[in-house]
Protein backbone atom coordinates (compact mmCIF):
# COMPACT_ATOMS: atom_id res chain seq x y z
CA MET A 1 275.40 -41.85 -63.51
CA SER A 2 274.50 -43.17 -66.86
CA PHE A 3 272.35 -41.43 -69.41
CA ARG A 4 269.53 -43.93 -68.84
CA VAL A 5 269.46 -43.26 -65.09
CA LYS A 6 269.51 -39.48 -65.67
CA LEU A 7 266.72 -39.79 -68.24
CA ALA A 8 264.68 -41.96 -65.87
CA LEU A 9 265.18 -39.46 -63.02
CA VAL A 10 264.18 -36.50 -65.22
CA PHE A 11 261.17 -38.40 -66.51
CA THR A 12 260.15 -39.44 -62.96
CA LEU A 13 260.69 -35.92 -61.61
CA THR A 14 258.61 -34.44 -64.45
CA ILE A 15 255.75 -36.83 -63.76
CA VAL A 16 255.89 -36.19 -59.99
CA VAL A 17 255.89 -32.41 -60.50
CA ALA A 18 253.03 -32.63 -63.04
CA VAL A 19 250.94 -34.83 -60.75
CA ALA A 20 251.64 -32.54 -57.78
CA LEU A 21 250.62 -29.44 -59.77
CA VAL A 22 247.41 -31.08 -61.00
CA ALA A 23 246.57 -32.30 -57.49
CA TRP A 24 247.22 -28.84 -56.05
CA GLY A 25 245.10 -27.21 -58.79
CA VAL A 26 242.21 -29.61 -58.31
CA SER A 27 242.37 -29.22 -54.54
CA THR A 28 242.40 -25.42 -54.76
CA TYR A 29 239.57 -25.34 -57.32
CA THR A 30 237.48 -27.79 -55.30
CA GLN A 31 237.96 -25.84 -52.08
CA THR A 32 237.03 -22.56 -53.81
CA GLU A 33 233.89 -24.10 -55.31
CA PHE A 34 232.83 -25.60 -51.97
CA GLU A 35 233.30 -22.21 -50.32
CA LYS A 36 231.15 -20.57 -53.02
CA ILE A 37 228.46 -23.21 -52.58
CA ASP A 38 228.59 -22.78 -48.81
CA GLN A 39 228.34 -18.99 -49.18
CA ARG A 40 225.30 -19.29 -51.49
CA HIS A 41 223.71 -21.75 -49.08
CA THR A 42 224.29 -19.38 -46.16
CA GLU A 43 222.85 -16.44 -48.10
CA ALA A 44 219.80 -18.49 -49.08
CA LEU A 45 219.19 -19.52 -45.47
CA THR A 46 219.63 -15.94 -44.29
CA GLU A 47 217.18 -14.68 -46.90
CA GLN A 48 214.70 -17.40 -46.01
CA PHE A 49 214.97 -16.48 -42.33
CA LYS A 50 214.42 -12.78 -43.11
CA GLN A 51 211.35 -13.56 -45.22
CA GLU A 52 209.93 -15.86 -42.56
CA TYR A 53 210.59 -13.25 -39.87
CA ALA A 54 208.89 -10.53 -41.93
CA GLN A 55 205.92 -12.80 -42.61
CA ARG A 56 205.55 -13.69 -38.94
CA SER A 57 205.86 -10.03 -37.97
CA GLU A 58 203.07 -9.17 -40.38
CA GLU A 59 200.88 -11.92 -38.94
CA VAL A 60 201.42 -10.64 -35.40
CA VAL A 61 200.62 -7.07 -36.48
CA HIS A 62 197.37 -8.27 -38.09
CA ARG A 63 196.43 -10.26 -35.00
CA VAL A 64 197.15 -7.37 -32.64
CA THR A 65 195.20 -5.03 -34.94
CA ALA A 66 192.28 -7.45 -34.83
CA ILE A 67 192.46 -7.47 -31.03
CA ARG A 68 192.63 -3.68 -30.93
CA GLU A 69 189.58 -3.41 -33.16
CA SER A 70 187.55 -6.08 -31.35
CA ASN A 71 184.45 -5.30 -29.33
CA ALA A 72 186.07 -6.63 -26.16
CA SER A 73 188.96 -4.19 -26.48
CA THR A 74 186.63 -1.31 -27.21
CA THR A 75 184.54 -2.17 -24.16
CA MET A 76 187.66 -2.36 -21.98
CA ALA A 77 188.94 0.96 -23.30
CA ILE A 78 185.64 2.65 -22.55
CA GLU A 79 185.53 1.14 -19.06
CA MET A 80 189.12 2.27 -18.37
CA THR A 81 188.17 5.89 -18.97
CA ARG A 82 185.69 5.82 -16.13
CA PRO A 83 186.96 7.10 -12.80
CA SER A 84 186.33 3.93 -10.81
CA TRP A 85 186.85 1.10 -13.27
CA ASP A 86 187.35 -2.39 -11.90
CA VAL A 87 190.49 -4.15 -13.19
CA SER A 88 189.38 -7.51 -11.81
CA ARG A 89 186.66 -7.75 -14.48
CA TYR A 90 189.34 -8.05 -17.17
CA VAL A 91 191.86 -10.34 -15.49
CA PHE A 92 191.30 -13.27 -17.87
CA ASP A 93 190.41 -11.28 -21.00
CA ALA A 94 194.00 -10.97 -22.20
CA ASP A 95 194.44 -14.75 -22.04
CA GLY A 96 191.20 -15.32 -23.94
CA LEU A 97 192.07 -12.74 -26.58
CA ALA A 98 195.53 -14.24 -26.99
CA LYS A 99 194.18 -17.76 -27.46
CA SER A 100 191.45 -16.69 -29.88
CA ASN A 101 194.05 -14.86 -31.99
CA ARG A 102 196.67 -17.64 -31.78
CA LEU A 103 199.19 -15.61 -29.77
CA ASP A 104 201.40 -17.13 -27.10
CA PHE A 105 201.45 -13.99 -25.01
CA LEU A 106 199.27 -10.88 -24.72
CA ASP A 107 199.48 -8.20 -22.07
CA LEU A 108 196.81 -5.53 -21.85
CA VAL A 109 198.13 -2.28 -20.52
CA GLY A 110 196.16 0.70 -19.38
CA SER A 111 196.88 3.86 -17.49
CA GLY A 112 197.35 2.95 -13.84
CA HIS A 113 194.90 4.93 -11.69
């Protein structure tokens, strides 16, 4: 092999190795940055979900508290303490209370006589 061929091979090999190292470095850096961005995005979504869940929980607590403190609930509670209270009078009250307080579901529970 002549000196020119050897020099061309060394030069070509150097360029190929340099390009491969740069490509590998860029690929690794890009993948790491995308993973960091994805992790931050996941954490933000998780935090948003937790905040939304806490807010909704608070709303439900306030609505149930309002139901508990309503006149209809007080009347039902007083009636339930009587020895011969009639459950049929309150069959539709839970549905009405749920709708008026924007709840999907409400179940009124008393001591079963």
